[in-house]
Amino acid sequence: MTLENAKRELLLLLSSWKRGEIDSPWHVQDQAESIEQQLVDCKQLGPQRQADGLADQVKGVLDQLSNAQAQYVLPEDIDVMRELLEAPELDVKDILTRYSYYWDTVDYSSREAEAREYWFGKKT
């Protein structure tokens, strides 16, 4: 799998999720894990890969989605992930800074109950 294909697949996955076409949030995480593994297998991601705009975009989204339940990722976060993936290459550095800031400032304790209910069907 190429980074371009991964970006395209992630955008399709996020669009389907946003439109409510995904039966289970676990499907999102499973798909992200699969994409990530294919990229590692093809040496498109990993320590041997030089960072570039496209790799940073794809890796930024995969870092969240491949462990989405533990990161408390919710449908309300889709737009910020799409913004990163859709950013023109010249703007990736600025968008990546905003993307990191977004995740750094999420109040995880206040979204914990909603995330647990969304991912596990449990109210806390």
PDB file of N, CA and C in Angstrom:
ATOM      1  N   MET A   1       0.851  -1.184   0.000  1.00  0.00           N
ATOM      2  CA  MET A   1       0.000   0.000   0.000  1.00  0.00           C
ATOM      3  C   MET A   1       0.889   1.236   0.000  1.00  0.00           C
ATOM      4  N   THR A   2       0.496   2.223  -0.770  1.00  0.00           N
ATOM      5  CA  THR A   2       1.221   3.489  -0.802  1.00  0.00           C
ATOM      6  C   THR A   2       0.582   4.468   0.179  1.00  0.00           C
ATOM      7  N   LEU A   3       1.312   5.518   0.490  1.00  0.00           N
ATOM      8  CA  LEU A   3       0.765   6.559   1.363  1.00  0.00           C
ATOM      9  C   LEU A   3      -0.442   7.235   0.712  1.00  0.00           C
ATOM     10  N   GLU A   4      -0.391   7.409  -0.596  1.00  0.00           N
ATOM     11  CA  GLU A   4      -1.522   8.023  -1.302  1.00  0.00           C
ATOM     12  C   GLU A   4      -2.777   7.161  -1.167  1.00  0.00           C
ATOM     13  N   ASN A   5      -2.606   5.847  -1.325  1.00  0.00           N
ATOM     14  CA  ASN A   5      -3.749   4.938  -1.166  1.00  0.00           C
ATOM     15  C   ASN A   5      -4.261   4.945   0.270  1.00  0.00           C
ATOM     16  N   ALA A   6      -3.347   4.995   1.227  1.00  0.00           N
ATOM     17  CA  ALA A   6      -3.745   5.029   2.638  1.00  0.00           C
ATOM     18  C   ALA A   6      -4.541   6.296   2.931  1.00  0.00           C
ATOM     19  N   LYS A   7      -4.075   7.418   2.412  1.00  0.00           N
ATOM     20  CA  LYS A   7      -4.785   8.685   2.607  1.00  0.00           C
ATOM     21  C   LYS A   7      -6.196   8.591   2.035  1.00  0.00           C
ATOM     22  N   ARG A   8      -6.303   8.055   0.833  1.00  0.00           N
ATOM     23  CA  ARG A   8      -7.611   7.899   0.181  1.00  0.00           C
ATOM     24  C   ARG A   8      -8.523   6.984   1.006  1.00  0.00           C
ATOM     25  N   GLU A   9      -7.980   5.860   1.471  1.00  0.00           N
ATOM     26  CA  GLU A   9      -8.782   4.926   2.280  1.00  0.00           C
ATOM     27  C   GLU A   9      -9.218   5.553   3.598  1.00  0.00           C
ATOM     28  N   LEU A  10      -8.334   6.316   4.218  1.00  0.00           N
ATOM     29  CA  LEU A  10      -8.695   6.976   5.477  1.00  0.00           C
ATOM     30  C   LEU A  10      -9.789   8.018   5.255  1.00  0.00           C
ATOM     31  N   LEU A  11      -9.695   8.771   4.178  1.00  0.00           N
ATOM     32  CA  LEU A  11     -10.744   9.756   3.879  1.00  0.00           C
ATOM     33  C   LEU A  11     -12.085   9.077   3.637  1.00  0.00           C
ATOM     34  N   LEU A  12     -12.075   7.960   2.917  1.00  0.00           N
ATOM     35  CA  LEU A  12     -13.319   7.208   2.702  1.00  0.00           C
ATOM     36  C   LEU A  12     -13.871   6.659   4.011  1.00  0.00           C
ATOM     37  N   LEU A  13     -12.994   6.143   4.845  1.00  0.00           N
ATOM     38  CA  LEU A  13     -13.406   5.610   6.147  1.00  0.00           C
ATOM     39  C   LEU A  13     -14.026   6.706   7.009  1.00  0.00           C
ATOM     40  N   LEU A  14     -13.371   7.862   7.070  1.00  0.00           N
ATOM     41  CA  LEU A  14     -13.897   8.971   7.869  1.00  0.00           C
ATOM     42  C   LEU A  14     -15.230   9.476   7.313  1.00  0.00           C
ATOM     43  N   SER A  15     -15.351   9.525   5.998  1.00  0.00           N
ATOM     44  CA  SER A  15     -16.618   9.956   5.382  1.00  0.00           C
ATOM     45  C   SER A  15     -17.745   8.989   5.718  1.00  0.00           C
ATOM     46  N   SER A  16     -17.467   7.704   5.623  1.00  0.00           N
ATOM     47  CA  SER A  16     -18.482   6.692   5.960  1.00  0.00           C
ATOM     48  C   SER A  16     -18.879   6.795   7.424  1.00  0.00           C
ATOM     49  N   TRP A  17     -17.916   7.018   8.283  1.00  0.00           N
ATOM     50  CA  TRP A  17     -18.179   7.140   9.719  1.00  0.00           C
ATOM     51  C   TRP A  17     -19.052   8.365   9.971  1.00  0.00           C
ATOM     52  N   LYS A  18     -18.692   9.471   9.343  1.00  0.00           N
ATOM     53  CA  LYS A  18     -19.448  10.710   9.553  1.00  0.00           C
ATOM     54  C   LYS A  18     -20.894  10.579   9.065  1.00  0.00           C
ATOM     55  N   ARG A  19     -21.101   9.868   7.971  1.00  0.00           N
ATOM     56  CA  ARG A  19     -22.453   9.687   7.423  1.00  0.00           C
ATOM     57  C   ARG A  19     -23.244   8.615   8.168  1.00  0.00           C
ATOM     58  N   GLY A  20     -22.636   7.982   9.158  1.00  0.00           N
ATOM     59  CA  GLY A  20     -23.332   6.965   9.938  1.00  0.00           C
ATOM     60  C   GLY A  20     -23.433   5.626   9.237  1.00  0.00           C
ATOM     61  N   GLU A  21     -22.562   5.374   8.284  1.00  0.00           N
ATOM     62  CA  GLU A  21     -22.596   4.128   7.518  1.00  0.00           C
ATOM     63  C   GLU A  21     -21.778   3.010   8.166  1.00  0.00           C
ATOM     64  N   ILE A  22     -21.163   3.299   9.277  1.00  0.00           N
ATOM     65  CA  ILE A  22     -20.340   2.311   9.979  1.00  0.00           C
ATOM     66  C   ILE A  22     -21.175   1.749  11.125  1.00  0.00           C
ATOM     67  N   ASP A  23     -21.348   0.440  11.139  1.00  0.00           N
ATOM     68  CA  ASP A  23     -22.182  -0.206  12.160  1.00  0.00           C
ATOM     69  C   ASP A  23     -21.574  -0.140  13.554  1.00  0.00           C
ATOM     70  N   SER A  24     -20.266  -0.227  13.621  1.00  0.00           N
ATOM     71  CA  SER A  24     -19.596  -0.273  14.916  1.00  0.00           C
ATOM     72  C   SER A  24     -18.352   0.601  14.867  1.00  0.00           C
ATOM     73  N   PRO A  25     -18.101   1.373  15.915  1.00  0.00           N
ATOM     74  CA  PRO A  25     -16.874   2.169  15.919  1.00  0.00           C
ATOM     75  C   PRO A  25     -15.623   1.288  15.860  1.00  0.00           C
ATOM     76  N   TRP A  26     -15.774   0.046  16.292  1.00  0.00           N
ATOM     77  CA  TRP A  26     -14.624  -0.865  16.258  1.00  0.00           C
ATOM     78  C   TRP A  26     -14.172  -1.112  14.828  1.00  0.00           C
ATOM     79  N   HIS A  27     -15.095  -1.001  13.874  1.00  0.00           N
ATOM     80  CA  HIS A  27     -14.727  -1.154  12.462  1.00  0.00           C
ATOM     81  C   HIS A  27     -13.723  -0.071  12.055  1.00  0.00           C
ATOM     82  N   VAL A  28     -13.922   1.140  12.550  1.00  0.00           N
ATOM     83  CA  VAL A  28     -13.010   2.247  12.248  1.00  0.00           C
ATOM     84  C   VAL A  28     -11.613   1.909  12.765  1.00  0.00           C
ATOM     85  N   GLN A  29     -11.544   1.476  14.011  1.00  0.00           N
ATOM     86  CA  GLN A  29     -10.252   1.148  14.600  1.00  0.00           C
ATOM     87  C   GLN A  29      -9.604  -0.032  13.870  1.00  0.00           C
ATOM     88  N   ASP A  30     -10.381  -1.060  13.567  1.00  0.00           N
ATOM     89  CA  ASP A  30      -9.843  -2.231  12.860  1.00  0.00           C
ATOM     90  C   ASP A  30      -9.296  -1.850  11.486  1.00  0.00           C
ATOM     91  N   GLN A  31     -10.032  -1.014  10.767  1.00  0.00           N
ATOM     92  CA  GLN A  31      -9.576  -0.579   9.445  1.00  0.00           C
ATOM     93  C   GLN A  31      -8.288   0.232   9.555  1.00  0.00           C
ATOM     94  N   ALA A  32      -8.218   1.118  10.534  1.00  0.00           N
ATOM     95  CA  ALA A  32      -7.009   1.925  10.727  1.00  0.00           C
ATOM     96  C   ALA A  32      -5.813   1.035  11.057  1.00  0.00           C
ATOM     97  N   GLU A  33      -6.021   0.045  11.922  1.00  0.00           N
ATOM     98  CA  GLU A  33      -4.939  -0.882  12.259  1.00  0.00           C
ATOM     99  C   GLU A  33      -4.475  -1.639  11.021  1.00  0.00           C
ATOM    100  N   SER A  34      -5.407  -2.045  10.185  1.00  0.00           N
ATOM    101  CA  SER A  34      -5.078  -2.768   8.956  1.00  0.00           C
ATOM    102  C   SER A  34      -4.274  -1.887   7.995  1.00  0.00           C
ATOM    103  N   ILE A  35      -4.703  -0.660   7.813  1.00  0.00           N
ATOM    104  CA  ILE A  35      -3.986   0.281   6.943  1.00  0.00           C
ATOM    105  C   ILE A  35      -2.580   0.512   7.479  1.00  0.00           C
ATOM    106  N   GLU A  36      -2.483   0.729   8.781  1.00  0.00           N
ATOM    107  CA  GLU A  36      -1.179   0.969   9.397  1.00  0.00           C
ATOM    108  C   GLU A  36      -0.249  -0.227   9.183  1.00  0.00           C
ATOM    109  N   GLN A  37      -0.750  -1.435   9.384  1.00  0.00           N
ATOM    110  CA  GLN A  37       0.078  -2.629   9.216  1.00  0.00           C
ATOM    111  C   GLN A  37       0.529  -2.789   7.764  1.00  0.00           C
ATOM    112  N   GLN A  38      -0.363  -2.514   6.829  1.00  0.00           N
ATOM    113  CA  GLN A  38       0.011  -2.604   5.411  1.00  0.00           C
ATOM    114  C   GLN A  38       1.108  -1.600   5.065  1.00  0.00           C
ATOM    115  N   LEU A  39       1.029  -0.407   5.631  1.00  0.00           N
ATOM    116  CA  LEU A  39       2.059   0.597   5.375  1.00  0.00           C
ATOM    117  C   LEU A  39       3.398   0.187   5.974  1.00  0.00           C
ATOM    118  N   VAL A  40       3.372  -0.372   7.169  1.00  0.00           N
ATOM    119  CA  VAL A  40       4.608  -0.847   7.800  1.00  0.00           C
ATOM    120  C   VAL A  40       5.198  -1.985   6.972  1.00  0.00           C
ATOM    121  N   ASP A  41       4.350  -2.925   6.559  1.00  0.00           N
ATOM    122  CA  ASP A  41       4.815  -4.057   5.751  1.00  0.00           C
ATOM    123  C   ASP A  41       5.449  -3.595   4.441  1.00  0.00           C
ATOM    124  N   CYS A  42       4.929  -2.537   3.866  1.00  0.00           N
ATOM    125  CA  CYS A  42       5.456  -2.005   2.599  1.00  0.00           C
ATOM    126  C   CYS A  42       6.540  -0.952   2.825  1.00  0.00           C
ATOM    127  N   LYS A  43       6.949  -0.805   4.071  1.00  0.00           N
ATOM    128  CA  LYS A  43       7.994   0.155   4.452  1.00  0.00           C
ATOM    129  C   LYS A  43       7.637   1.602   4.084  1.00  0.00           C
ATOM    130  N   GLN A  44       6.343   1.908   4.121  1.00  0.00           N
ATOM    131  CA  GLN A  44       5.881   3.272   3.884  1.00  0.00           C
ATOM    132  C   GLN A  44       5.819   4.071   5.184  1.00  0.00           C
ATOM    133  N   LEU A  45       5.761   3.364   6.305  1.00  0.00           N
ATOM    134  CA  LEU A  45       5.824   3.984   7.631  1.00  0.00           C
ATOM    135  C   LEU A  45       6.829   3.200   8.445  1.00  0.00           C
ATOM    136  N   GLY A  46       7.448   3.868   9.376  1.00  0.00           N
ATOM    137  CA  GLY A  46       8.393   3.197  10.256  1.00  0.00           C
ATOM    138  C   GLY A  46       9.668   4.009  10.377  1.00  0.00           C
ATOM    139  N   PRO A  47      10.597   3.530  11.199  1.00  0.00           N
ATOM    140  CA  PRO A  47      11.808   4.308  11.477  1.00  0.00           C
ATOM    141  C   PRO A  47      12.687   4.533  10.246  1.00  0.00           C
ATOM    142  N   GLN A  48      12.615   3.637   9.269  1.00  0.00           N
ATOM    143  CA  GLN A  48      13.445   3.769   8.080  1.00  0.00           C
ATOM    144  C   GLN A  48      12.892   4.793   7.090  1.00  0.00           C
ATOM    145  N   ARG A  49      11.677   5.236   7.299  1.00  0.00           N
ATOM    146  CA  ARG A  49      11.006   6.144   6.369  1.00  0.00           C
ATOM    147  C   ARG A  49      11.293   7.592   6.751  1.00  0.00           C
ATOM    148  N   GLN A  50      11.753   8.362   5.778  1.00  0.00           N
ATOM    149  CA  GLN A  50      11.983   9.796   5.972  1.00  0.00           C
ATOM    150  C   GLN A  50      10.630  10.491   6.120  1.00  0.00           C
ATOM    151  N   ALA A  51      10.514  11.365   7.081  1.00  0.00           N
ATOM    152  CA  ALA A  51       9.252  12.093   7.273  1.00  0.00           C
ATOM    153  C   ALA A  51       9.029  13.056   6.104  1.00  0.00           C
ATOM    154  N   ASP A  52       7.800  13.162   5.690  1.00  0.00           N
ATOM    155  CA  ASP A  52       7.411  14.151   4.691  1.00  0.00           C
ATOM    156  C   ASP A  52       5.967  14.534   4.971  1.00  0.00           C
ATOM    157  N   GLY A  53       5.454  15.490   4.216  1.00  0.00           N
ATOM    158  CA  GLY A  53       4.103  15.976   4.480  1.00  0.00           C
ATOM    159  C   GLY A  53       3.048  14.894   4.441  1.00  0.00           C
ATOM    160  N   LEU A  54       3.066  14.074   3.397  1.00  0.00           N
ATOM    161  CA  LEU A  54       2.055  13.033   3.252  1.00  0.00           C
ATOM    162  C   LEU A  54       2.173  11.989   4.357  1.00  0.00           C
ATOM    163  N   ALA A  55       3.388  11.570   4.661  1.00  0.00           N
ATOM    164  CA  ALA A  55       3.586  10.589   5.735  1.00  0.00           C
ATOM    165  C   ALA A  55       3.115  11.157   7.070  1.00  0.00           C
ATOM    166  N   ASP A  56       3.392  12.436   7.310  1.00  0.00           N
ATOM    167  CA  ASP A  56       2.954  13.079   8.556  1.00  0.00           C
ATOM    168  C   ASP A  56       1.432  13.135   8.642  1.00  0.00           C
ATOM    169  N   GLN A  57       0.773  13.420   7.518  1.00  0.00           N
ATOM    170  CA  GLN A  57      -0.687  13.472   7.497  1.00  0.00           C
ATOM    171  C   GLN A  57      -1.273  12.103   7.845  1.00  0.00           C
ATOM    172  N   VAL A  58      -0.821  11.091   7.136  1.00  0.00           N
ATOM    173  CA  VAL A  58      -1.353   9.740   7.329  1.00  0.00           C
ATOM    174  C   VAL A  58      -1.037   9.237   8.726  1.00  0.00           C
ATOM    175  N   LYS A  59       0.200   9.425   9.169  1.00  0.00           N
ATOM    176  CA  LYS A  59       0.592   8.947  10.497  1.00  0.00           C
ATOM    177  C   LYS A  59      -0.187   9.667  11.590  1.00  0.00           C
ATOM    178  N   GLY A  60      -0.413  10.964  11.430  1.00  0.00           N
ATOM    179  CA  GLY A  60      -1.165  11.715  12.429  1.00  0.00           C
ATOM    180  C   GLY A  60      -2.556  11.150  12.655  1.00  0.00           C
ATOM    181  N   VAL A  61      -3.229  10.802  11.576  1.00  0.00           N
ATOM    182  CA  VAL A  61      -4.580  10.244  11.688  1.00  0.00           C
ATOM    183  C   VAL A  61      -4.527   8.801  12.185  1.00  0.00           C
ATOM    184  N   LEU A  62      -3.593   8.019  11.664  1.00  0.00           N
ATOM    185  CA  LEU A  62      -3.484   6.625  12.115  1.00  0.00           C
ATOM    186  C   LEU A  62      -3.147   6.536  13.597  1.00  0.00           C
ATOM    187  N   ASP A  63      -2.330   7.461  14.101  1.00  0.00           N
ATOM    188  CA  ASP A  63      -1.994   7.450  15.532  1.00  0.00           C
ATOM    189  C   ASP A  63      -3.247   7.550  16.394  1.00  0.00           C
ATOM    190  N   GLN A  64      -4.228   8.295  15.945  1.00  0.00           N
ATOM    191  CA  GLN A  64      -5.477   8.422  16.698  1.00  0.00           C
ATOM    192  C   GLN A  64      -6.404   7.240  16.449  1.00  0.00           C
ATOM    193  N   LEU A  65      -6.597   6.891  15.191  1.00  0.00           N
ATOM    194  CA  LEU A  65      -7.608   5.885  14.860  1.00  0.00           C
ATOM    195  C   LEU A  65      -7.205   4.460  15.198  1.00  0.00           C
ATOM    196  N   SER A  66      -5.927   4.142  15.127  1.00  0.00           N
ATOM    197  CA  SER A  66      -5.530   2.753  15.370  1.00  0.00           C
ATOM    198  C   SER A  66      -5.668   2.367  16.840  1.00  0.00           C
ATOM    199  N   ASN A  67      -5.883   3.341  17.686  1.00  0.00           N
ATOM    200  CA  ASN A  67      -6.134   3.084  19.106  1.00  0.00           C
ATOM    201  C   ASN A  67      -7.263   4.003  19.572  1.00  0.00           C
ATOM    202  N   ALA A  68      -8.269   4.123  18.727  1.00  0.00           N
ATOM    203  CA  ALA A  68      -9.318   5.130  18.911  1.00  0.00           C
ATOM    204  C   ALA A  68     -10.077   4.998  20.222  1.00  0.00           C
ATOM    205  N   GLN A  69     -10.382   3.782  20.636  1.00  0.00           N
ATOM    206  CA  GLN A  69     -11.163   3.631  21.873  1.00  0.00           C
ATOM    207  C   GLN A  69     -10.365   4.101  23.078  1.00  0.00           C
ATOM    208  N   ALA A  70      -9.076   3.823  23.117  1.00  0.00           N
ATOM    209  CA  ALA A  70      -8.250   4.265  24.249  1.00  0.00           C
ATOM    210  C   ALA A  70      -7.966   5.762  24.184  1.00  0.00           C
ATOM    211  N   GLN A  71      -8.002   6.324  22.976  1.00  0.00           N
ATOM    212  CA  GLN A  71      -7.780   7.763  22.797  1.00  0.00           C
ATOM    213  C   GLN A  71      -9.074   8.561  22.980  1.00  0.00           C
ATOM    214  N   TYR A  72     -10.191   7.838  23.223  1.00  0.00           N
ATOM    215  CA  TYR A  72     -11.509   8.468  23.362  1.00  0.00           C
ATOM    216  C   TYR A  72     -11.901   9.263  22.119  1.00  0.00           C
ATOM    217  N   VAL A  73     -11.546   8.737  20.952  1.00  0.00           N
ATOM    218  CA  VAL A  73     -11.931   9.381  19.699  1.00  0.00           C
ATOM    219  C   VAL A  73     -13.431   9.188  19.502  1.00  0.00           C
ATOM    220  N   LEU A  74     -14.096  10.273  19.152  1.00  0.00           N
ATOM    221  CA  LEU A  74     -15.545  10.279  18.944  1.00  0.00           C
ATOM    222  C   LEU A  74     -15.858  10.842  17.560  1.00  0.00           C
ATOM    223  N   PRO A  75     -17.070  10.621  17.078  1.00  0.00           N
ATOM    224  CA  PRO A  75     -17.432  11.167  15.765  1.00  0.00           C
ATOM    225  C   PRO A  75     -17.210  12.680  15.651  1.00  0.00           C
ATOM    226  N   GLU A  76     -17.292  13.393  16.746  1.00  0.00           N
ATOM    227  CA  GLU A  76     -17.078  14.847  16.695  1.00  0.00           C
ATOM    228  C   GLU A  76     -15.641  15.208  16.308  1.00  0.00           C
ATOM    229  N   ASP A  77     -14.734  14.237  16.335  1.00  0.00           N
ATOM    230  CA  ASP A  77     -13.330  14.473  15.989  1.00  0.00           C
ATOM    231  C   ASP A  77     -13.037  14.244  14.506  1.00  0.00           C
ATOM    232  N   ILE A  78     -14.009  13.772  13.769  1.00  0.00           N
ATOM    233  CA  ILE A  78     -13.795  13.418  12.362  1.00  0.00           C
ATOM    234  C   ILE A  78     -13.304  14.616  11.552  1.00  0.00           C
ATOM    235  N   ASP A  79     -13.922  15.766  11.737  1.00  0.00           N
ATOM    236  CA  ASP A  79     -13.570  16.926  10.914  1.00  0.00           C
ATOM    237  C   ASP A  79     -12.117  17.346  11.089  1.00  0.00           C
ATOM    238  N   VAL A  80     -11.591  17.265  12.296  1.00  0.00           N
ATOM    239  CA  VAL A  80     -10.197  17.665  12.508  1.00  0.00           C
ATOM    240  C   VAL A  80      -9.246  16.669  11.830  1.00  0.00           C
ATOM    241  N   MET A  81      -9.622  15.400  11.793  1.00  0.00           N
ATOM    242  CA  MET A  81      -8.793  14.409  11.102  1.00  0.00           C
ATOM    243  C   MET A  81      -8.872  14.605   9.590  1.00  0.00           C
ATOM    244  N   ARG A  82     -10.053  14.895   9.096  1.00  0.00           N
ATOM    245  CA  ARG A  82     -10.209  15.163   7.653  1.00  0.00           C
ATOM    246  C   ARG A  82      -9.423  16.410   7.256  1.00  0.00           C
ATOM    247  N   GLU A  83      -9.447  17.431   8.102  1.00  0.00           N
ATOM    248  CA  GLU A  83      -8.711  18.659   7.800  1.00  0.00           C
ATOM    249  C   GLU A  83      -7.227  18.357   7.609  1.00  0.00           C
ATOM    250  N   LEU A  84      -6.675  17.521   8.454  1.00  0.00           N
ATOM    251  CA  LEU A  84      -5.262  17.170   8.320  1.00  0.00           C
ATOM    252  C   LEU A  84      -5.016  16.419   7.011  1.00  0.00           C
ATOM    253  N   LEU A  85      -5.845  15.427   6.720  1.00  0.00           N
ATOM    254  CA  LEU A  85      -5.647  14.636   5.503  1.00  0.00           C
ATOM    255  C   LEU A  85      -5.856  15.453   4.228  1.00  0.00           C
ATOM    256  N   GLU A  86      -6.744  16.419   4.280  1.00  0.00           N
ATOM    257  CA  GLU A  86      -7.068  17.209   3.091  1.00  0.00           C
ATOM    258  C   GLU A  86      -6.177  18.434   2.926  1.00  0.00           C
ATOM    259  N   ALA A  87      -5.286  18.680   3.860  1.00  0.00           N
ATOM    260  CA  ALA A  87      -4.431  19.863   3.797  1.00  0.00           C
ATOM    261  C   ALA A  87      -3.492  19.795   2.592  1.00  0.00           C
ATOM    262  N   PRO A  88      -3.341  20.913   1.881  1.00  0.00           N
ATOM    263  CA  PRO A  88      -2.335  20.951   0.816  1.00  0.00           C
ATOM    264  C   PRO A  88      -0.948  20.734   1.426  1.00  0.00           C
ATOM    265  N   GLU A  89      -0.072  20.117   0.663  1.00  0.00           N
ATOM    266  CA  GLU A  89       1.241  19.756   1.201  1.00  0.00           C
ATOM    267  C   GLU A  89       1.987  20.955   1.784  1.00  0.00           C
ATOM    268  N   LEU A  90       1.831  22.125   1.194  1.00  0.00           N
ATOM    269  CA  LEU A  90       2.519  23.312   1.702  1.00  0.00           C
ATOM    270  C   LEU A  90       2.021  23.726   3.082  1.00  0.00           C
ATOM    271  N   ASP A  91       0.789  23.358   3.421  1.00  0.00           N
ATOM    272  CA  ASP A  91       0.189  23.763   4.692  1.00  0.00           C
ATOM    273  C   ASP A  91       0.266  22.692   5.771  1.00  0.00           C
ATOM    274  N   VAL A  92       0.842  21.541   5.462  1.00  0.00           N
ATOM    275  CA  VAL A  92       0.813  20.412   6.393  1.00  0.00           C
ATOM    276  C   VAL A  92       1.447  20.766   7.730  1.00  0.00           C
ATOM    277  N   LYS A  93       2.564  21.471   7.715  1.00  0.00           N
ATOM    278  CA  LYS A  93       3.243  21.791   8.975  1.00  0.00           C
ATOM    279  C   LYS A  93       2.331  22.607   9.893  1.00  0.00           C
ATOM    280  N   ASP A  94       1.675  23.627   9.351  1.00  0.00           N
ATOM    281  CA  ASP A  94       0.770  24.457  10.157  1.00  0.00           C
ATOM    282  C   ASP A  94      -0.441  23.661  10.635  1.00  0.00           C
ATOM    283  N   ILE A  95      -1.019  22.876   9.741  1.00  0.00           N
ATOM    284  CA  ILE A  95      -2.195  22.072  10.104  1.00  0.00           C
ATOM    285  C   ILE A  95      -1.802  21.032  11.148  1.00  0.00           C
ATOM    286  N   LEU A  96      -0.624  20.437  11.004  1.00  0.00           N
ATOM    287  CA  LEU A  96      -0.158  19.439  11.966  1.00  0.00           C
ATOM    288  C   LEU A  96       0.020  20.058  13.351  1.00  0.00           C
ATOM    289  N   THR A  97       0.473  21.303  13.396  1.00  0.00           N
ATOM    290  CA  THR A  97       0.602  22.009  14.677  1.00  0.00           C
ATOM    291  C   THR A  97      -0.771  22.193  15.313  1.00  0.00           C
ATOM    292  N   ARG A  98      -1.758  22.611  14.519  1.00  0.00           N
ATOM    293  CA  ARG A  98      -3.127  22.769  15.040  1.00  0.00           C
ATOM    294  C   ARG A  98      -3.721  21.425  15.436  1.00  0.00           C
ATOM    295  N   TYR A  99      -3.438  20.400  14.653  1.00  0.00           N
ATOM    296  CA  TYR A  99      -3.929  19.045  14.930  1.00  0.00           C
ATOM    297  C   TYR A  99      -3.382  18.555  16.273  1.00  0.00           C
ATOM    298  N   SER A 100      -2.091  18.735  16.476  1.00  0.00           N
ATOM    299  CA  SER A 100      -1.477  18.327  17.748  1.00  0.00           C
ATOM    300  C   SER A 100      -2.059  19.117  18.909  1.00  0.00           C
ATOM    301  N   TYR A 101      -2.253  20.412  18.699  1.00  0.00           N
ATOM    302  CA  TYR A 101      -2.834  21.251  19.741  1.00  0.00           C
ATOM    303  C   TYR A 101      -4.249  20.778  20.086  1.00  0.00           C
ATOM    304  N   TYR A 102      -5.025  20.425  19.071  1.00  0.00           N
ATOM    305  CA  TYR A 102      -6.386  19.931  19.296  1.00  0.00           C
ATOM    306  C   TYR A 102      -6.355  18.737  20.246  1.00  0.00           C
ATOM    307  N   TRP A 103      -5.526  17.745  19.922  1.00  0.00           N
ATOM    308  CA  TRP A 103      -5.491  16.532  20.747  1.00  0.00           C
ATOM    309  C   TRP A 103      -4.852  16.791  22.111  1.00  0.00           C
ATOM    310  N   ASP A 104      -3.908  17.721  22.177  1.00  0.00           N
ATOM    311  CA  ASP A 104      -3.281  18.052  23.461  1.00  0.00           C
ATOM    312  C   ASP A 104      -4.245  18.758  24.405  1.00  0.00           C
ATOM    313  N   THR A 105      -5.245  19.430  23.848  1.00  0.00           N
ATOM    314  CA  THR A 105      -6.158  20.205  24.694  1.00  0.00           C
ATOM    315  C   THR A 105      -7.513  19.537  24.907  1.00  0.00           C
ATOM    316  N   VAL A 106      -7.693  18.342  24.363  1.00  0.00           N
ATOM    317  CA  VAL A 106      -8.938  17.614  24.627  1.00  0.00           C
ATOM    318  C   VAL A 106      -9.010  17.315  26.120  1.00  0.00           C
ATOM    319  N   ASP A 107     -10.151  17.590  26.715  1.00  0.00           N
ATOM    320  CA  ASP A 107     -10.359  17.278  28.132  1.00  0.00           C
ATOM    321  C   ASP A 107     -10.843  15.831  28.222  1.00  0.00           C
ATOM    322  N   TYR A 108      -9.872  14.935  28.325  1.00  0.00           N
ATOM    323  CA  TYR A 108     -10.189  13.506  28.297  1.00  0.00           C
ATOM    324  C   TYR A 108     -11.056  13.077  29.474  1.00  0.00           C
ATOM    325  N   SER A 109     -10.879  13.688  30.621  1.00  0.00           N
ATOM    326  CA  SER A 109     -11.692  13.285  31.774  1.00  0.00           C
ATOM    327  C   SER A 109     -13.160  13.655  31.563  1.00  0.00           C
ATOM    328  N   SER A 110     -13.425  14.768  30.892  1.00  0.00           N
ATOM    329  CA  SER A 110     -14.823  15.148  30.674  1.00  0.00           C
ATOM    330  C   SER A 110     -15.469  14.344  29.545  1.00  0.00           C
ATOM    331  N   ARG A 111     -14.680  13.780  28.660  1.00  0.00           N
ATOM    332  CA  ARG A 111     -15.274  12.996  27.581  1.00  0.00           C
ATOM    333  C   ARG A 111     -15.238  11.498  27.868  1.00  0.00           C
ATOM    334  N   GLU A 112     -14.692  11.103  29.003  1.00  0.00           N
ATOM    335  CA  GLU A 112     -14.559   9.682  29.320  1.00  0.00           C
ATOM    336  C   GLU A 112     -15.905   8.956  29.320  1.00  0.00           C
ATOM    337  N   ALA A 113     -16.902   9.501  29.994  1.00  0.00           N
ATOM    338  CA  ALA A 113     -18.202   8.824  30.084  1.00  0.00           C
ATOM    339  C   ALA A 113     -18.827   8.658  28.698  1.00  0.00           C
ATOM    340  N   GLU A 114     -18.800   9.712  27.907  1.00  0.00           N
ATOM    341  CA  GLU A 114     -19.362   9.637  26.558  1.00  0.00           C
ATOM    342  C   GLU A 114     -18.590   8.625  25.701  1.00  0.00           C
ATOM    343  N   ALA A 115     -17.278   8.624  25.822  1.00  0.00           N
ATOM    344  CA  ALA A 115     -16.457   7.696  25.039  1.00  0.00           C
ATOM    345  C   ALA A 115     -16.706   6.255  25.454  1.00  0.00           C
ATOM    346  N   ARG A 116     -16.805   6.003  26.747  1.00  0.00           N
ATOM    347  CA  ARG A 116     -17.072   4.630  27.210  1.00  0.00           C
ATOM    348  C   ARG A 116     -18.428   4.139  26.704  1.00  0.00           C
ATOM    349  N   GLU A 117     -19.413   5.021  26.745  1.00  0.00           N
ATOM    350  CA  GLU A 117     -20.733   4.632  26.246  1.00  0.00           C
ATOM    351  C   GLU A 117     -20.680   4.384  24.737  1.00  0.00           C
ATOM    352  N   TYR A 118     -19.984   5.248  24.021  1.00  0.00           N
ATOM    353  CA  TYR A 118     -19.897   5.107  22.569  1.00  0.00           C
ATOM    354  C   TYR A 118     -19.156   3.825  22.173  1.00  0.00           C
ATOM    355  N   TRP A 119     -18.025   3.579  22.809  1.00  0.00           N
ATOM    356  CA  TRP A 119     -17.191   2.441  22.418  1.00  0.00           C
ATOM    357  C   TRP A 119     -17.624   1.119  23.044  1.00  0.00           C
ATOM    358  N   PHE A 120     -18.095   1.176  24.282  1.00  0.00           N
ATOM    359  CA  PHE A 120     -18.382  -0.063  25.001  1.00  0.00           C
ATOM    360  C   PHE A 120     -19.849  -0.235  25.372  1.00  0.00           C
ATOM    361  N   GLY A 121     -20.661   0.795  25.118  1.00  0.00           N
ATOM    362  CA  GLY A 121     -22.071   0.717  25.472  1.00  0.00           C
ATOM    363  C   GLY A 121     -22.301   0.749  26.968  1.00  0.00           C
ATOM    364  N   LYS A 122     -21.324   1.307  27.704  1.00  0.00           N
ATOM    365  CA  LYS A 122     -21.431   1.353  29.165  1.00  0.00           C
ATOM    366  C   LYS A 122     -21.562   2.792  29.619  1.00  0.00           C
ATOM    367  N   LYS A 123     -22.498   3.022  30.485  1.00  0.00           N
ATOM    368  CA  LYS A 123     -22.607   4.329  31.128  1.00  0.00           C
ATOM    369  C   LYS A 123     -21.797   4.283  32.408  1.00  0.00           C
ATOM    370  N   THR A 124     -21.044   5.373  32.652  1.00  0.00           N
ATOM    371  CA  THR A 124     -20.244   5.428  33.886  1.00  0.00           C
ATOM    372  C   THR A 124     -20.717   6.538  34.767  1.00  0.00           C
TER     373      THR A 124
END
